[in-house]
C-alpha atoms as a PDB file:
ATOM      1  CA  UNK A   1       0.000   0.000   0.000  1.00  0.00           C
ATOM      2  CA  UNK A   2       1.374   3.413  -0.793  1.00  0.00           C
ATOM      3  CA  UNK A   3       2.691   5.227   2.221  1.00  0.00           C
ATOM      4  CA  UNK A   4       1.500   8.586   0.968  1.00  0.00           C
ATOM      5  CA  UNK A   5      -2.006   7.429   1.795  1.00  0.00           C
ATOM      6  CA  UNK A   6      -2.999   8.376   5.315  1.00  0.00           C
ATOM      7  CA  UNK A   7      -1.428   5.509   7.246  1.00  0.00           C
ATOM      8  CA  UNK A   8      -1.354   3.376   4.155  1.00  0.00           C
ATOM      9  CA  UNK A   9      -4.101   1.330   2.641  1.00  0.00           C
ATOM     10  CA  UNK A  10      -7.351   2.991   3.639  1.00  0.00           C
ATOM     11  CA  UNK A  11      -6.906   6.749   3.158  1.00  0.00           C
ATOM     12  CA  UNK A  12      -9.352   8.956   5.041  1.00  0.00           C
ATOM     13  CA  UNK A  13     -10.375  12.439   4.008  1.00  0.00           C
ATOM     14  CA  UNK A  14     -12.336  14.402   6.548  1.00  0.00           C
ATOM     15  CA  UNK A  15     -15.098  16.390   4.941  1.00  0.00           C
ATOM     16  CA  UNK A  16     -17.398  18.786   6.721  1.00  0.00           C
ATOM     17  CA  UNK A  17     -21.147  18.614   6.323  1.00  0.00           C
ATOM     18  CA  UNK A  18     -23.999  20.831   7.377  1.00  0.00           C
ATOM     19  CA  UNK A  19     -25.439  18.371   9.915  1.00  0.00           C
ATOM     20  CA  UNK A  20     -25.974  19.695  13.446  1.00  0.00           C
ATOM     21  CA  UNK A  21     -27.831  18.556  16.542  1.00  0.00           C
ATOM     22  CA  UNK A  22     -31.335  19.963  16.189  1.00  0.00           C
ATOM     23  CA  UNK A  23     -31.959  19.879  19.902  1.00  0.00           C
ATOM     24  CA  UNK A  24     -29.262  22.429  20.713  1.00  0.00           C
ATOM     25  CA  UNK A  25     -30.486  25.596  22.319  1.00  0.00           C
ATOM     26  CA  UNK A  26     -30.987  28.351  19.773  1.00  0.00           C
ATOM     27  CA  UNK A  27     -29.515  30.947  22.078  1.00  0.00           C
ATOM     28  CA  UNK A  28     -26.348  30.852  24.141  1.00  0.00           C
ATOM     29  CA  UNK A  29     -25.164  32.870  27.105  1.00  0.00           C
ATOM     30  CA  UNK A  30     -21.920  34.777  26.827  1.00  0.00           C
ATOM     31  CA  UNK A  31     -20.237  31.978  28.823  1.00  0.00           C
ATOM     32  CA  UNK A  32     -21.381  29.230  26.438  1.00  0.00           C
ATOM     33  CA  UNK A  33     -19.983  28.511  22.999  1.00  0.00           C
ATOM     34  CA  UNK A  34     -20.675  25.961  20.291  1.00  0.00           C
ATOM     35  CA  UNK A  35     -18.060  23.347  19.493  1.00  0.00           C
ATOM     36  CA  UNK A  36     -18.388  21.361  16.258  1.00  0.00           C
ATOM     37  CA  UNK A  37     -16.732  18.030  15.550  1.00  0.00           C
ATOM     38  CA  UNK A  38     -16.064  17.021  11.962  1.00  0.00           C
ATOM     39  CA  UNK A  39     -16.010  13.230  12.160  1.00  0.00           C
ATOM     40  CA  UNK A  40     -14.373  11.005   9.572  1.00  0.00           C
ATOM     41  CA  UNK A  41     -13.488   7.323   9.532  1.00  0.00           C
ATOM     42  CA  UNK A  42     -10.069   6.009   8.643  1.00  0.00           C
ATOM     43  CA  UNK A  43     -10.841   3.882   5.611  1.00  0.00           C
ATOM     44  CA  UNK A  44     -11.887   4.026   2.054  1.00  0.00           C
ATOM     45  CA  UNK A  45     -10.503   2.886  -1.236  1.00  0.00           C
ATOM     46  CA  UNK A  46     -13.404   2.717  -3.668  1.00  0.00           C
ATOM     47  CA  UNK A  47     -12.251  -0.511  -5.259  1.00  0.00           C
ATOM     48  CA  UNK A  48     -12.308  -2.414  -1.958  1.00  0.00           C
ATOM     49  CA  UNK A  49     -15.308  -3.541   0.014  1.00  0.00           C
ATOM     50  CA  UNK A  50     -13.606  -5.073   3.032  1.00  0.00           C
ATOM     51  CA  UNK A  51     -12.522  -2.440   5.555  1.00  0.00           C
ATOM     52  CA  UNK A  52     -13.484   0.555   3.452  1.00  0.00           C
ATOM     53  CA  UNK A  53     -15.424   1.949   6.410  1.00  0.00           C
ATOM     54  CA  UNK A  54     -18.632   2.429   4.461  1.00  0.00           C
ATOM     55  CA  UNK A  55     -20.561  -0.015   6.651  1.00  0.00           C
ATOM     56  CA  UNK A  56     -20.383   2.222   9.721  1.00  0.00           C
ATOM     57  CA  UNK A  57     -23.691   4.011  10.206  1.00  0.00           C
ATOM     58  CA  UNK A  58     -24.102   4.167  14.001  1.00  0.00           C
ATOM     59  CA  UNK A  59     -22.459   6.942  16.045  1.00  0.00           C
ATOM     60  CA  UNK A  60     -22.219   6.984  19.850  1.00  0.00           C
ATOM     61  CA  UNK A  61     -20.533   9.655  21.970  1.00  0.00           C
ATOM     62  CA  UNK A  62     -20.537  11.171  25.462  1.00  0.00           C
ATOM     63  CA  UNK A  63     -18.912  14.129  27.261  1.00  0.00           C
ATOM     64  CA  UNK A  64     -16.528  13.873  30.248  1.00  0.00           C
ATOM     65  CA  UNK A  65     -14.644  16.427  32.342  1.00  0.00           C
ATOM     66  CA  UNK A  66     -10.846  16.650  32.232  1.00  0.00           C
ATOM     67  CA  UNK A  67     -10.566  14.061  35.016  1.00  0.00           C
ATOM     68  CA  UNK A  68     -12.577  11.512  33.071  1.00  0.00           C
ATOM     69  CA  UNK A  69     -15.831  11.930  34.993  1.00  0.00           C
ATOM     70  CA  UNK A  70     -18.972  11.609  32.907  1.00  0.00           C
ATOM     71  CA  UNK A  71     -20.984  14.851  32.727  1.00  0.00           C
ATOM     72  CA  UNK A  72     -24.432  13.375  33.223  1.00  0.00           C
ATOM     73  CA  UNK A  73     -26.255  16.648  32.544  1.00  0.00           C
ATOM     74  CA  UNK A  74     -25.159  16.401  28.907  1.00  0.00           C
ATOM     75  CA  UNK A  75     -27.071  13.567  27.285  1.00  0.00           C
ATOM     76  CA  UNK A  76     -25.088  10.885  25.506  1.00  0.00           C
ATOM     77  CA  UNK A  77     -25.791  10.523  21.795  1.00  0.00           C
ATOM     78  CA  UNK A  78     -26.569   7.225  20.044  1.00  0.00           C
ATOM     79  CA  UNK A  79     -27.795   7.804  16.515  1.00  0.00           C
ATOM     80  CA  UNK A  80     -27.821   6.574  12.949  1.00  0.00           C
ATOM     81  CA  UNK A  81     -25.807   8.694  10.538  1.00  0.00           C
ATOM     82  CA  UNK A  82     -23.443   8.550   7.582  1.00  0.00           C
ATOM     83  CA  UNK A  83     -19.786   9.519   7.545  1.00  0.00           C
ATOM     84  CA  UNK A  84     -18.205  11.975   7.280  1.00  0.00           C
ATOM     85  CA  UNK A  85     -20.526  13.973   9.508  1.00  0.00           C
ATOM     86  CA  UNK A  86     -20.513  17.014  11.786  1.00  0.00           C
ATOM     87  CA  UNK A  87     -21.792  17.066  15.362  1.00  0.00           C
ATOM     88  CA  UNK A  88     -22.204  20.299  17.366  1.00  0.00           C
ATOM     89  CA  UNK A  89     -22.585  20.805  21.098  1.00  0.00           C
ATOM     90  CA  UNK A  90     -22.805  23.821  23.427  1.00  0.00           C
ATOM     91  CA  UNK A  91     -20.177  23.874  26.202  1.00  0.00           C
ATOM     92  CA  UNK A  92     -18.911  26.319  28.846  1.00  0.00           C
ATOM     93  CA  UNK A  93     -15.950  28.594  28.198  1.00  0.00           C
ATOM     94  CA  UNK A  94     -12.715  28.014  30.054  1.00  0.00           C
ATOM     95  CA  UNK A  95     -13.445  24.354  30.734  1.00  0.00           C
ATOM     96  CA  UNK A  96     -11.496  21.300  29.616  1.00  0.00           C
ATOM     97  CA  UNK A  97     -13.503  18.375  28.300  1.00  0.00           C
ATOM     98  CA  UNK A  98     -12.966  14.887  26.930  1.00  0.00           C
ATOM     99  CA  UNK A  99     -15.266  13.335  24.351  1.00  0.00           C
ATOM    100  CA  UNK A 100     -15.280   9.662  23.444  1.00  0.00           C
ATOM    101  CA  UNK A 101     -16.624   8.645  20.027  1.00  0.00           C
ATOM    102  CA  UNK A 102     -17.588   5.190  18.716  1.00  0.00           C
ATOM    103  CA  UNK A 103     -18.789   4.223  15.220  1.00  0.00           C
ATOM    104  CA  UNK A 104     -19.933   0.836  13.962  1.00  0.00           C
ATOM    105  CA  UNK A 105     -22.254  -0.956  11.584  1.00  0.00           C
ATOM    106  CA  UNK A 106     -25.734  -0.882  13.110  1.00  0.00           C
ATOM    107  CA  UNK A 107     -26.325  -4.397  11.785  1.00  0.00           C
ATOM    108  CA  UNK A 108     -23.635  -5.791  14.089  1.00  0.00           C
ATOM    109  CA  UNK A 109     -24.831  -7.032  17.493  1.00  0.00           C
ATOM    110  CA  UNK A 110     -21.384  -8.065  18.747  1.00  0.00           C
ATOM    111  CA  UNK A 111     -20.771  -4.820  20.663  1.00  0.00           C
ATOM    112  CA  UNK A 112     -22.547  -3.390  23.708  1.00  0.00           C
ATOM    113  CA  UNK A 113     -21.740   0.273  24.380  1.00  0.00           C
ATOM    114  CA  UNK A 114     -22.218   1.585  27.931  1.00  0.00           C
ATOM    115  CA  UNK A 115     -22.674   5.348  27.548  1.00  0.00           C
ATOM    116  CA  UNK A 116     -22.232   5.939  31.302  1.00  0.00           C
ATOM    117  CA  UNK A 117     -18.500   5.236  31.074  1.00  0.00           C
ATOM    118  CA  UNK A 118     -18.091   4.670  27.315  1.00  0.00           C
ATOM    119  CA  UNK A 119     -16.884   1.119  27.584  1.00  0.00           C
ATOM    120  CA  UNK A 120     -17.568  -1.454  24.867  1.00  0.00           C
ATOM    121  CA  UNK A 121     -18.112  -5.136  25.622  1.00  0.00           C
ATOM    122  CA  UNK A 122     -17.146  -7.483  22.784  1.00  0.00           C
ATOM    123  CA  UNK A 123     -19.152 -10.662  22.291  1.00  0.00           C
ATOM    124  CA  UNK A 124     -17.356 -13.390  20.361  1.00  0.00           C
ATOM    125  CA  UNK A 125     -19.952 -16.095  21.024  1.00  0.00           C
ATOM    126  CA  UNK A 126     -22.117 -17.522  18.255  1.00  0.00           C
ATOM    127  CA  UNK A 127     -20.409 -15.407  15.621  1.00  0.00           C
ATOM    128  CA  UNK A 128     -19.045 -16.233  12.208  1.00  0.00           C
ATOM    129  CA  UNK A 129     -15.803 -15.647  10.364  1.00  0.00           C
ATOM    130  CA  UNK A 130     -15.385 -13.219   7.451  1.00  0.00           C
ATOM    131  CA  UNK A 131     -17.951 -10.836   8.976  1.00  0.00           C
ATOM    132  CA  UNK A 132     -17.307  -7.315   7.683  1.00  0.00           C
ATOM    133  CA  UNK A 133     -19.992  -5.799   9.933  1.00  0.00           C
ATOM    134  CA  UNK A 134     -17.610  -6.236  12.887  1.00  0.00           C
ATOM    135  CA  UNK A 135     -15.466  -3.367  11.603  1.00  0.00           C
ATOM    136  CA  UNK A 136     -15.665  -0.409  14.025  1.00  0.00           C
ATOM    137  CA  UNK A 137     -13.899   2.859  14.887  1.00  0.00           C
ATOM    138  CA  UNK A 138     -13.220   5.056  17.916  1.00  0.00           C
ATOM    139  CA  UNK A 139     -11.435   8.186  19.078  1.00  0.00           C
ATOM    140  CA  UNK A 140     -11.200  10.256  22.275  1.00  0.00           C
ATOM    141  CA  UNK A 141     -10.326  13.953  22.102  1.00  0.00           C
ATOM    142  CA  UNK A 142      -9.433  16.364  24.906  1.00  0.00           C
ATOM    143  CA  UNK A 143      -9.836  20.103  24.425  1.00  0.00           C
ATOM    144  CA  UNK A 144     -10.275  23.381  26.288  1.00  0.00           C
ATOM    145  CA  UNK A 145     -13.125  25.667  25.269  1.00  0.00           C
ATOM    146  CA  UNK A 146     -12.090  29.248  24.533  1.00  0.00           C
ATOM    147  CA  UNK A 147     -14.480  30.212  21.766  1.00  0.00           C
ATOM    148  CA  UNK A 148     -16.712  28.626  19.174  1.00  0.00           C
ATOM    149  CA  UNK A 149     -14.548  26.245  17.192  1.00  0.00           C
ATOM    150  CA  UNK A 150     -14.498  23.251  14.881  1.00  0.00           C
ATOM    151  CA  UNK A 151     -12.401  20.151  15.628  1.00  0.00           C
ATOM    152  CA  UNK A 152     -11.450  17.499  13.071  1.00  0.00           C
ATOM    153  CA  UNK A 153     -11.686  13.974  14.489  1.00  0.00           C
ATOM    154  CA  UNK A 154     -10.458  10.913  12.614  1.00  0.00           C
ATOM    155  CA  UNK A 155     -11.791   7.698  14.125  1.00  0.00           C
ATOM    156  CA  UNK A 156      -9.558   4.624  13.884  1.00  0.00           C
ATOM    157  CA  UNK A 157     -10.090   0.921  14.359  1.00  0.00           C
ATOM    158  CA  UNK A 158      -9.528  -0.556  17.830  1.00  0.00           C
ATOM    159  CA  UNK A 159      -9.232  -4.012  16.277  1.00  0.00           C
ATOM    160  CA  UNK A 160      -6.584  -6.008  14.482  1.00  0.00           C
ATOM    161  CA  UNK A 161      -7.622  -7.614  11.223  1.00  0.00           C
ATOM    162  CA  UNK A 162      -6.162 -11.084  10.626  1.00  0.00           C
ATOM    163  CA  UNK A 163      -6.168 -12.328   7.034  1.00  0.00           C
ATOM    164  CA  UNK A 164      -5.150 -15.557   5.325  1.00  0.00           C
ATOM    165  CA  UNK A 165      -4.397 -15.591   1.612  1.00  0.00           C
ATOM    166  CA  UNK A 166      -2.957 -18.145  -0.802  1.00  0.00           C
ATOM    167  CA  UNK A 167      -1.110 -17.738  -4.077  1.00  0.00           C
ATOM    168  CA  UNK A 168      -3.296 -17.975  -7.167  1.00  0.00           C
ATOM    169  CA  UNK A 169      -1.386 -21.034  -8.386  1.00  0.00           C
ATOM    170  CA  UNK A 170      -1.985 -22.752  -5.038  1.00  0.00           C
ATOM    171  CA  UNK A 171      -5.714 -22.018  -5.351  1.00  0.00           C
ATOM    172  CA  UNK A 172      -5.768 -23.190  -8.981  1.00  0.00           C
ATOM    173  CA  UNK A 173      -3.937 -26.419  -8.117  1.00  0.00           C
ATOM    174  CA  UNK A 174      -6.423 -27.163  -5.348  1.00  0.00           C
ATOM    175  CA  UNK A 175      -9.370 -26.506  -7.665  1.00  0.00           C
ATOM    176  CA  UNK A 176      -7.815 -28.730 -10.316  1.00  0.00           C
ATOM    177  CA  UNK A 177      -7.586 -31.526  -7.741  1.00  0.00           C
ATOM    178  CA  UNK A 178     -11.276 -31.144  -6.903  1.00  0.00           C
ATOM    179  CA  UNK A 179     -10.997 -28.885  -3.852  1.00  0.00           C
ATOM    180  CA  UNK A 180     -12.608 -25.439  -4.053  1.00  0.00           C
ATOM    181  CA  UNK A 181     -12.705 -23.711  -0.678  1.00  0.00           C
ATOM    182  CA  UNK A 182     -16.127 -22.254   0.069  1.00  0.00           C
ATOM    183  CA  UNK A 183     -16.038 -21.336   3.778  1.00  0.00           C
ATOM    184  CA  UNK A 184     -13.538 -20.783   6.581  1.00  0.00           C
ATOM    185  CA  UNK A 185     -13.525 -20.704  10.361  1.00  0.00           C
ATOM    186  CA  UNK A 186     -10.872 -19.833  12.944  1.00  0.00           C
ATOM    187  CA  UNK A 187     -10.063 -20.466  16.592  1.00  0.00           C
ATOM    188  CA  UNK A 188      -8.140 -17.707  18.387  1.00  0.00           C
ATOM    189  CA  UNK A 189      -6.934 -17.546  21.980  1.00  0.00           C
ATOM    190  CA  UNK A 190      -6.321 -14.486  24.161  1.00  0.00           C
ATOM    191  CA  UNK A 191      -8.525 -11.899  22.454  1.00  0.00           C
ATOM    192  CA  UNK A 192      -9.594  -9.022  24.730  1.00  0.00           C
ATOM    193  CA  UNK A 193     -13.275  -8.808  25.626  1.00  0.00           C
ATOM    194  CA  UNK A 194     -13.784  -5.112  26.400  1.00  0.00           C
ATOM    195  CA  UNK A 195     -12.447  -1.650  25.563  1.00  0.00           C
ATOM    196  CA  UNK A 196     -12.510   1.599  27.533  1.00  0.00           C
ATOM    197  CA  UNK A 197     -12.984   4.226  24.819  1.00  0.00           C
ATOM    198  CA  UNK A 198     -11.875   7.054  27.106  1.00  0.00           C
ATOM    199  CA  UNK A 199      -8.475   5.543  27.957  1.00  0.00           C
ATOM    200  CA  UNK A 200      -7.972   2.913  25.258  1.00  0.00           C
ATOM    201  CA  UNK A 201      -7.394   0.218  27.879  1.00  0.00           C
ATOM    202  CA  UNK A 202      -8.654  -3.282  27.145  1.00  0.00           C
ATOM    203  CA  UNK A 203     -10.269  -5.618  29.665  1.00  0.00           C
ATOM    204  CA  UNK A 204      -9.553  -9.254  30.408  1.00  0.00           C
ATOM    205  CA  UNK A 205      -8.774 -11.608  27.570  1.00  0.00           C
ATOM    206  CA  UNK A 206     -10.309 -14.964  26.688  1.00  0.00           C
ATOM    207  CA  UNK A 207      -7.530 -16.947  28.340  1.00  0.00           C
ATOM    208  CA  UNK A 208      -9.567 -20.035  29.169  1.00  0.00           C
ATOM    209  CA  UNK A 209     -12.308 -19.696  26.573  1.00  0.00           C
ATOM    210  CA  UNK A 210     -11.245 -19.764  22.959  1.00  0.00           C
ATOM    211  CA  UNK A 211     -12.658 -17.335  20.439  1.00  0.00           C
ATOM    212  CA  UNK A 212     -14.227 -19.502  17.772  1.00  0.00           C
ATOM    213  CA  UNK A 213     -15.562 -17.805  14.669  1.00  0.00           C
ATOM    214  CA  UNK A 214     -17.933 -20.188  12.918  1.00  0.00           C
ATOM    215  CA  UNK A 215     -17.604 -21.194   9.288  1.00  0.00           C
ATOM    216  CA  UNK A 216     -18.792 -18.627   6.751  1.00  0.00           C
ATOM    217  CA  UNK A 217     -18.227 -17.854   3.083  1.00  0.00           C
ATOM    218  CA  UNK A 218     -14.726 -16.629   2.254  1.00  0.00           C
ATOM    219  CA  UNK A 219     -14.297 -13.083   0.890  1.00  0.00           C
ATOM    220  CA  UNK A 220     -14.942 -12.968  -2.842  1.00  0.00           C
ATOM    221  CA  UNK A 221     -12.902  -9.891  -3.704  1.00  0.00           C
ATOM    222  CA  UNK A 222      -9.264  -9.688  -4.754  1.00  0.00           C
ATOM    223  CA  UNK A 223      -6.554  -9.658  -2.082  1.00  0.00           C
ATOM    224  CA  UNK A 224      -3.397  -7.705  -2.915  1.00  0.00           C
ATOM    225  CA  UNK A 225      -0.587  -7.088  -0.413  1.00  0.00           C
ATOM    226  CA  UNK A 226       2.523  -5.025  -1.176  1.00  0.00           C
ATOM    227  CA  UNK A 227       4.889  -7.618   0.288  1.00  0.00           C
ATOM    228  CA  UNK A 228       8.105  -6.117  -1.084  1.00  0.00           C
ATOM    229  CA  UNK A 229       6.925  -2.570  -0.283  1.00  0.00           C
ATOM    230  CA  UNK A 230       7.730  -1.182  -3.717  1.00  0.00           C
ATOM    231  CA  UNK A 231       4.315   0.408  -4.238  1.00  0.00           C
ATOM    232  CA  UNK A 232       3.606  -1.805  -7.264  1.00  0.00           C
ATOM    233  CA  UNK A 233       0.104  -3.239  -6.970  1.00  0.00           C
ATOM    234  CA  UNK A 234       0.293  -4.932 -10.376  1.00  0.00           C
ATOM    235  CA  UNK A 235       2.905  -7.458  -9.284  1.00  0.00           C
ATOM    236  CA  UNK A 236       1.375 -10.889  -9.909  1.00  0.00           C
ATOM    237  CA  UNK A 237       3.477 -12.360  -7.100  1.00  0.00           C
ATOM    238  CA  UNK A 238       1.640 -10.152  -4.615  1.00  0.00           C
ATOM    239  CA  UNK A 239      -1.909 -11.138  -5.569  1.00  0.00           C
ATOM    240  CA  UNK A 240      -3.615 -13.716  -3.405  1.00  0.00           C
ATOM    241  CA  UNK A 241      -6.940 -15.456  -2.985  1.00  0.00           C
ATOM    242  CA  UNK A 242      -8.601 -14.557   0.305  1.00  0.00           C
ATOM    243  CA  UNK A 243      -9.304 -17.549   2.573  1.00  0.00           C
ATOM    244  CA  UNK A 244     -10.109 -15.844   5.868  1.00  0.00           C
ATOM    245  CA  UNK A 245     -10.723 -12.417   7.433  1.00  0.00           C
ATOM    246  CA  UNK A 246     -11.252 -11.877  11.169  1.00  0.00           C
ATOM    247  CA  UNK A 247     -11.418  -8.931  13.581  1.00  0.00           C
ATOM    248  CA  UNK A 248     -10.089  -9.277  17.123  1.00  0.00           C
ATOM    249  CA  UNK A 249      -9.549  -6.863  19.995  1.00  0.00           C
ATOM    250  CA  UNK A 250      -5.849  -7.205  20.819  1.00  0.00           C
ATOM    251  CA  UNK A 251      -5.167  -8.087  24.462  1.00  0.00           C
ATOM    252  CA  UNK A 252      -2.416  -5.519  24.985  1.00  0.00           C
ATOM    253  CA  UNK A 253      -2.252  -4.581  28.677  1.00  0.00           C
ATOM    254  CA  UNK A 254       0.813  -2.333  28.444  1.00  0.00           C
ATOM    255  CA  UNK A 255       0.433   0.505  30.953  1.00  0.00           C
ATOM    256  CA  UNK A 256       2.370   2.984  28.798  1.00  0.00           C
ATOM    257  CA  UNK A 257       0.168   5.406  26.864  1.00  0.00           C
ATOM    258  CA  UNK A 258       0.972   6.411  23.293  1.00  0.00           C
ATOM    259  CA  UNK A 259       1.383   9.984  22.060  1.00  0.00           C
ATOM    260  CA  UNK A 260      -2.403  10.356  22.045  1.00  0.00           C
ATOM    261  CA  UNK A 261      -2.698   9.264  25.661  1.00  0.00           C
ATOM    262  CA  UNK A 262      -4.265   5.917  24.784  1.00  0.00           C
ATOM    263  CA  UNK A 263      -3.374   2.549  26.294  1.00  0.00           C
ATOM    264  CA  UNK A 264      -3.318  -0.800  24.521  1.00  0.00           C
ATOM    265  CA  UNK A 265      -1.735   0.278  21.253  1.00  0.00           C
ATOM    266  CA  UNK A 266       1.487  -1.758  21.298  1.00  0.00           C
ATOM    267  CA  UNK A 267       2.181  -4.862  19.275  1.00  0.00           C
ATOM    268  CA  UNK A 268       1.755  -8.258  20.890  1.00  0.00           C
ATOM    269  CA  UNK A 269       1.515 -11.844  19.679  1.00  0.00           C
ATOM    270  CA  UNK A 270      -1.037 -14.633  19.423  1.00  0.00           C
ATOM    271  CA  UNK A 271       0.447 -17.943  20.451  1.00  0.00           C
ATOM    272  CA  UNK A 272      -2.061 -20.264  18.810  1.00  0.00           C
ATOM    273  CA  UNK A 273      -4.248 -19.948  15.730  1.00  0.00           C
ATOM    274  CA  UNK A 274      -6.150 -22.670  13.925  1.00  0.00           C
ATOM    275  CA  UNK A 275      -8.016 -22.305  10.653  1.00  0.00           C
ATOM    276  CA  UNK A 276     -10.409 -24.718   9.000  1.00  0.00           C
ATOM    277  CA  UNK A 277     -11.055 -24.267   5.295  1.00  0.00           C
ATOM    278  CA  UNK A 278     -14.159 -26.085   4.091  1.00  0.00           C
ATOM    279  CA  UNK A 279     -14.477 -26.999   0.392  1.00  0.00           C
ATOM    280  CA  UNK A 280     -17.682 -27.340  -1.595  1.00  0.00           C
ATOM    281  CA  UNK A 281     -16.993 -31.061  -1.582  1.00  0.00           C
ATOM    282  CA  UNK A 282     -14.291 -33.094   0.106  1.00  0.00           C
ATOM    283  CA  UNK A 283     -12.697 -32.992   3.534  1.00  0.00           C
ATOM    284  CA  UNK A 284     -11.934 -29.732   5.383  1.00  0.00           C
ATOM    285  CA  UNK A 285      -8.328 -28.526   5.426  1.00  0.00           C
ATOM    286  CA  UNK A 286      -6.983 -27.613   8.877  1.00  0.00           C
ATOM    287  CA  UNK A 287      -4.186 -25.038   8.994  1.00  0.00           C
ATOM    288  CA  UNK A 288      -2.295 -24.403  12.232  1.00  0.00           C
ATOM    289  CA  UNK A 289       1.317 -25.390  11.595  1.00  0.00           C
ATOM    290  CA  UNK A 290       3.754 -22.572  12.312  1.00  0.00           C
ATOM    291  CA  UNK A 291       1.103 -20.194  13.628  1.00  0.00           C
ATOM    292  CA  UNK A 292       2.845 -19.364  16.895  1.00  0.00           C
ATOM    293  CA  UNK A 293       3.904 -15.894  18.037  1.00  0.00           C
ATOM    294  CA  UNK A 294       1.837 -14.302  15.283  1.00  0.00           C
ATOM    295  CA  UNK A 295       2.184 -10.486  15.569  1.00  0.00           C
ATOM    296  CA  UNK A 296      -0.981  -8.435  15.983  1.00  0.00           C
ATOM    297  CA  UNK A 297      -1.600  -4.772  16.725  1.00  0.00           C
ATOM    298  CA  UNK A 298      -4.572  -2.454  17.009  1.00  0.00           C
ATOM    299  CA  UNK A 299      -5.520  -0.857  13.684  1.00  0.00           C
ATOM    300  CA  UNK A 300      -3.081  -3.055  11.744  1.00  0.00           C
ATOM    301  CA  UNK A 301      -3.650  -5.959   9.368  1.00  0.00           C
ATOM    302  CA  UNK A 302      -1.811  -9.207  10.001  1.00  0.00           C
ATOM    303  CA  UNK A 303      -1.473 -11.062   6.692  1.00  0.00           C
ATOM    304  CA  UNK A 304      -0.721 -14.790   6.653  1.00  0.00           C
ATOM    305  CA  UNK A 305       0.270 -15.482   3.069  1.00  0.00           C
ATOM    306  CA  UNK A 306       1.615 -18.471   1.183  1.00  0.00           C
ATOM    307  CA  UNK A 307       1.080 -21.940  -0.209  1.00  0.00           C
ATOM    308  CA  UNK A 308      -1.426 -23.519   2.142  1.00  0.00           C
ATOM    309  CA  UNK A 309      -3.917 -25.643   0.225  1.00  0.00           C
ATOM    310  CA  UNK A 310      -1.536 -27.970  -1.609  1.00  0.00           C
ATOM    311  CA  UNK A 311       1.857 -29.508  -0.948  1.00  0.00           C
ATOM    312  CA  UNK A 312       4.171 -28.143   1.707  1.00  0.00           C
ATOM    313  CA  UNK A 313       2.966 -25.197   3.753  1.00  0.00           C
ATOM    314  CA  UNK A 314       5.009 -22.111   3.011  1.00  0.00           C
ATOM    315  CA  UNK A 315       3.936 -18.780   4.391  1.00  0.00           C
ATOM    316  CA  UNK A 316       4.849 -15.244   5.286  1.00  0.00           C
ATOM    317  CA  UNK A 317       3.068 -13.451   8.106  1.00  0.00           C
ATOM    318  CA  UNK A 318       2.947  -9.685   7.963  1.00  0.00           C
ATOM    319  CA  UNK A 319       1.232  -6.856   9.730  1.00  0.00           C
ATOM    320  CA  UNK A 320      -0.190  -4.173   7.477  1.00  0.00           C
ATOM    321  CA  UNK A 321      -0.898  -1.250   9.747  1.00  0.00           C
ATOM    322  CA  UNK A 322      -4.105  -0.394   8.335  1.00  0.00           C
ATOM    323  CA  UNK A 323      -2.077   2.137   6.897  1.00  0.00           C
ATOM    324  CA  UNK A 324       1.668   2.193   7.288  1.00  0.00           C
ATOM    325  CA  UNK A 325       3.203  -0.758   5.548  1.00  0.00           C
ATOM    326  CA  UNK A 326       3.885  -4.438   6.057  1.00  0.00           C
ATOM    327  CA  UNK A 327       5.954  -6.319   8.642  1.00  0.00           C
ATOM    328  CA  UNK A 328       6.843  -9.906   7.772  1.00  0.00           C
ATOM    329  CA  UNK A 329       7.268 -12.987   9.896  1.00  0.00           C
ATOM    330  CA  UNK A 330       9.750 -14.492   9.603  1.00  0.00           C
ATOM    331  CA  UNK A 331      11.630 -11.346   8.599  1.00  0.00           C
ATOM    332  CA  UNK A 332      13.863 -13.195   6.130  1.00  0.00           C
ATOM    333  CA  UNK A 333      10.849 -14.060   3.922  1.00  0.00           C
ATOM    334  CA  UNK A 334       9.960 -10.941   1.995  1.00  0.00           C
ATOM    335  CA  UNK A 335       9.339 -12.325  -1.450  1.00  0.00           C
ATOM    336  CA  UNK A 336       6.069 -13.844  -2.715  1.00  0.00           C
END
């Protein structure tokens, strides 16, 4: 993915709109001012459907004081909208506030947002693999009110996306031998189960209970990864057939905040992964060999790429920060 895109693959352009909260008071005292938030989602290449951000149509946000205490006299917002969008709110001059934003696909029932403290509980039970509606975005901003102003807010994914892709010739050889993969499932250990939107901290992980995404149809669209980082998306050696796509909340409990003051943004590893690829006819193919210490990171793509369906298993594992570049595991394997 070209690095001159905003953080790589899914460039986001924040556009202002004329939308405002209709229930705002029409008059303000001299100590109150209106603050507008221009909200955009990090995502969006028109030729891609997966992770282009267009599925997000639910917006949730709430206001806190500078110490992280919820201001209960200001109602939380939970609404249907389209992005980019603009939200406006009247606040007191001279005060410092924090606002936590969350955006998701309203068709997804995997997330429960508590607007009292802006925490999100993640439900992995009875869910399926390759579910694009699980894509979601968040951002917390802190600001001091001095006058009426407009603030640009780019929401980013709190999840890691884990992908499996095979070379076209591996896919073709499998099809020629009578095996055409139709569905895929995955078992993942140690995914976090909750997220504090205000701080970025994640809750406990599924240490004893495995995350098991049920079998569902594999993504139909093309899967291209710039493995050698030369910016050439026409390289046939970097085109794959998608076998699996999963979102997980990374269980990073590092207590060191990043430059934005958020916790849980460092890279960590998954020790065990197991995929099952189910063909239209024939026996399922189980893939788990070598999938130890797989790197994952919030808002990055981990790509497991190689010859998986036929012959010896050969693979590269990379993280594609949704928008910085690719990291490969093992590091010595950089060619398709």
